[in-house]
C-alpha atoms as a PDB file:
ATOM      1  CA  MET A   1     -11.536 -14.825 -38.251  1.00  0.00           C
ATOM      2  CA  SER A   2      -9.763 -18.347 -38.157  1.00  0.00           C
ATOM      3  CA  ILE A   3     -11.651 -21.783 -37.620  1.00  0.00           C
ATOM      4  CA  ARG A   4      -9.695 -22.805 -34.314  1.00  0.00           C
ATOM      5  CA  LEU A   5     -11.211 -19.056 -33.280  1.00  0.00           C
ATOM      6  CA  GLN A   6     -15.006 -20.253 -34.564  1.00  0.00           C
ATOM      7  CA  ILE A   7     -14.780 -23.902 -33.037  1.00  0.00           C
ATOM      8  CA  ALA A   8     -13.541 -22.351 -29.981  1.00  0.00           C
ATOM      9  CA  ALA A   9     -16.641 -20.042 -29.744  1.00  0.00           C
ATOM     10  CA  LEU A  10     -18.912 -22.773 -30.249  1.00  0.00           C
ATOM     11  CA  ILE A  11     -17.251 -24.950 -27.787  1.00  0.00           C
ATOM     12  CA  PHE A  12     -17.308 -22.405 -25.343  1.00  0.00           C
ATOM     13  CA  MET A  13     -20.666 -22.052 -24.140  1.00  0.00           C
ATOM     14  CA  MET A  14     -20.735 -25.983 -23.469  1.00  0.00           C
ATOM     15  CA  VAL A  15     -17.336 -26.133 -21.574  1.00  0.00           C
ATOM     16  CA  GLN A  16     -18.580 -22.829 -19.481  1.00  0.00           C
ATOM     17  CA  GLY A  17     -22.043 -24.669 -18.602  1.00  0.00           C
ATOM     18  CA  VAL A  18     -20.202 -27.765 -17.407  1.00  0.00           C
ATOM     19  CA  VAL A  19     -17.676 -25.872 -15.240  1.00  0.00           C
ATOM     20  CA  PHE A  20     -20.254 -23.717 -13.897  1.00  0.00           C
ATOM     21  CA  GLY A  21     -22.624 -26.585 -13.028  1.00  0.00           C
ATOM     22  CA  VAL A  22     -19.651 -28.406 -11.178  1.00  0.00           C
ATOM     23  CA  GLY A  23     -18.870 -25.216  -9.196  1.00  0.00           C
ATOM     24  CA  VAL A  24     -22.412 -24.440  -8.175  1.00  0.00           C
ATOM     25  CA  VAL A  25     -22.263 -28.363  -7.205  1.00  0.00           C
ATOM     26  CA  ILE A  26     -19.239 -28.088  -5.257  1.00  0.00           C
ATOM     27  CA  VAL A  27     -20.476 -24.863  -3.378  1.00  0.00           C
ATOM     28  CA  LEU A  28     -24.573 -26.137  -2.448  1.00  0.00           C
ATOM     29  CA  ALA A  29     -23.542 -29.676  -1.830  1.00  0.00           C
ATOM     30  CA  SER A  30     -20.603 -28.675   1.038  1.00  0.00           C
ATOM     31  CA  PRO A  31     -20.699 -26.574   4.116  1.00  0.00           C
ATOM     32  CA  LEU A  32     -20.193 -23.407   1.694  1.00  0.00           C
ATOM     33  CA  LYS A  33     -23.620 -23.502   0.902  1.00  0.00           C
ATOM     34  CA  ALA A  34     -24.113 -20.964   3.979  1.00  0.00           C
ATOM     35  CA  PHE A  35     -22.012 -18.522   1.636  1.00  0.00           C
ATOM     36  CA  ALA A  36     -23.712 -19.229  -1.492  1.00  0.00           C
ATOM     37  CA  ALA A  37     -24.764 -15.775  -2.461  1.00  0.00           C
ATOM     38  CA  GLN A  38     -21.453 -14.642  -2.416  1.00  0.00           C
ATOM     39  CA  LEU A  39     -19.885 -17.787  -4.054  1.00  0.00           C
ATOM     40  CA  ILE A  40     -22.264 -18.239  -6.778  1.00  0.00           C
ATOM     41  CA  PRO A  41     -20.977 -14.819  -8.657  1.00  0.00           C
ATOM     42  CA  LEU A  42     -17.727 -16.161  -7.989  1.00  0.00           C
ATOM     43  CA  VAL A  43     -18.270 -19.471  -9.517  1.00  0.00           C
ATOM     44  CA  ILE A  44     -19.632 -17.544 -12.576  1.00  0.00           C
ATOM     45  CA  GLY A  45     -16.507 -15.491 -13.074  1.00  0.00           C
ATOM     46  CA  VAL A  46     -14.348 -18.472 -12.772  1.00  0.00           C
ATOM     47  CA  SER A  47     -15.958 -20.321 -14.707  1.00  0.00           C
ATOM     48  CA  VAL A  48     -15.602 -17.892 -17.716  1.00  0.00           C
ATOM     49  CA  LEU A  49     -11.993 -17.506 -17.146  1.00  0.00           C
ATOM     50  CA  LEU A  50     -11.223 -21.435 -17.295  1.00  0.00           C
ATOM     51  CA  SER A  51     -13.848 -22.017 -20.280  1.00  0.00           C
ATOM     52  CA  VAL A  52     -11.922 -19.635 -22.719  1.00  0.00           C
ATOM     53  CA  PRO A  53      -8.013 -21.737 -22.586  1.00  0.00           C
ATOM     54  CA  ALA A  54     -10.588 -24.853 -22.208  1.00  0.00           C
ATOM     55  CA  ALA A  55     -12.412 -24.105 -25.429  1.00  0.00           C
ATOM     56  CA  TRP A  56      -9.330 -22.929 -27.052  1.00  0.00           C
ATOM     57  CA  MET A  57      -7.257 -26.133 -26.396  1.00  0.00           C
ATOM     58  CA  ILE A  58     -10.106 -28.535 -27.174  1.00  0.00           C
ATOM     59  CA  ALA A  59     -10.882 -26.768 -30.726  1.00  0.00           C
ATOM     60  CA  PRO A  60      -8.148 -28.234 -32.730  1.00  0.00           C
ATOM     61  CA  LEU A  61      -9.105 -31.623 -31.328  1.00  0.00           C
ATOM     62  CA  MET A  62     -12.867 -31.561 -32.695  1.00  0.00           C
ATOM     63  CA  ARG A  63     -11.297 -30.383 -36.161  1.00  0.00           C
ATOM     64  CA  SER A  64      -8.692 -32.942 -36.282  1.00  0.00           C
ATOM     65  CA  SER A  65     -11.574 -35.464 -35.649  1.00  0.00           C
ATOM     66  CA  HIS A  66     -13.576 -34.198 -38.292  1.00  0.00           C
ATOM     67  CA  GLN A  67     -10.811 -33.897 -40.927  1.00  0.00           C
ATOM     68  CA  ARG A  68     -10.278 -37.275 -40.272  1.00  0.00           C
ATOM     69  CA  GLN A  69     -13.593 -38.267 -41.180  1.00  0.00           C
ATOM     70  CA  MET A  70     -14.009 -36.091 -44.317  1.00  0.00           C
ATOM     71  CA  SER A  71     -10.337 -37.565 -45.422  1.00  0.00           C
ATOM     72  CA  LYS A  72     -11.680 -41.324 -45.125  1.00  0.00           C
ATOM     73  CA  LEU A  73     -14.985 -40.267 -47.079  1.00  0.00           C
ATOM     74  CA  SER A  74     -13.337 -38.809 -49.857  1.00  0.00           C
ATOM     75  CA  SER A  75     -10.651 -41.537 -49.980  1.00  0.00           C
ATOM     76  CA  HIS A  76     -13.103 -44.148 -50.635  1.00  0.00           C
ATOM     77  CA  PRO A  77     -14.382 -44.404 -54.494  1.00  0.00           C
END
């Protein structure tokens, strides 16, 4: 399993939670709350689908910042 996939798997649930939270707030804070029983399962599915590519794109950024920090630590005597 690649490092990018491992980092993306760790990030996925955090990203999914944020996307789900935004979706639920949009549904419940608007006139759409009358259809909440039908829309919240849709929000769950959409949040999962949006979180996969988002976590995949964030993973290299997390790795590069960690690598920069580690290279700074190892270069100083």
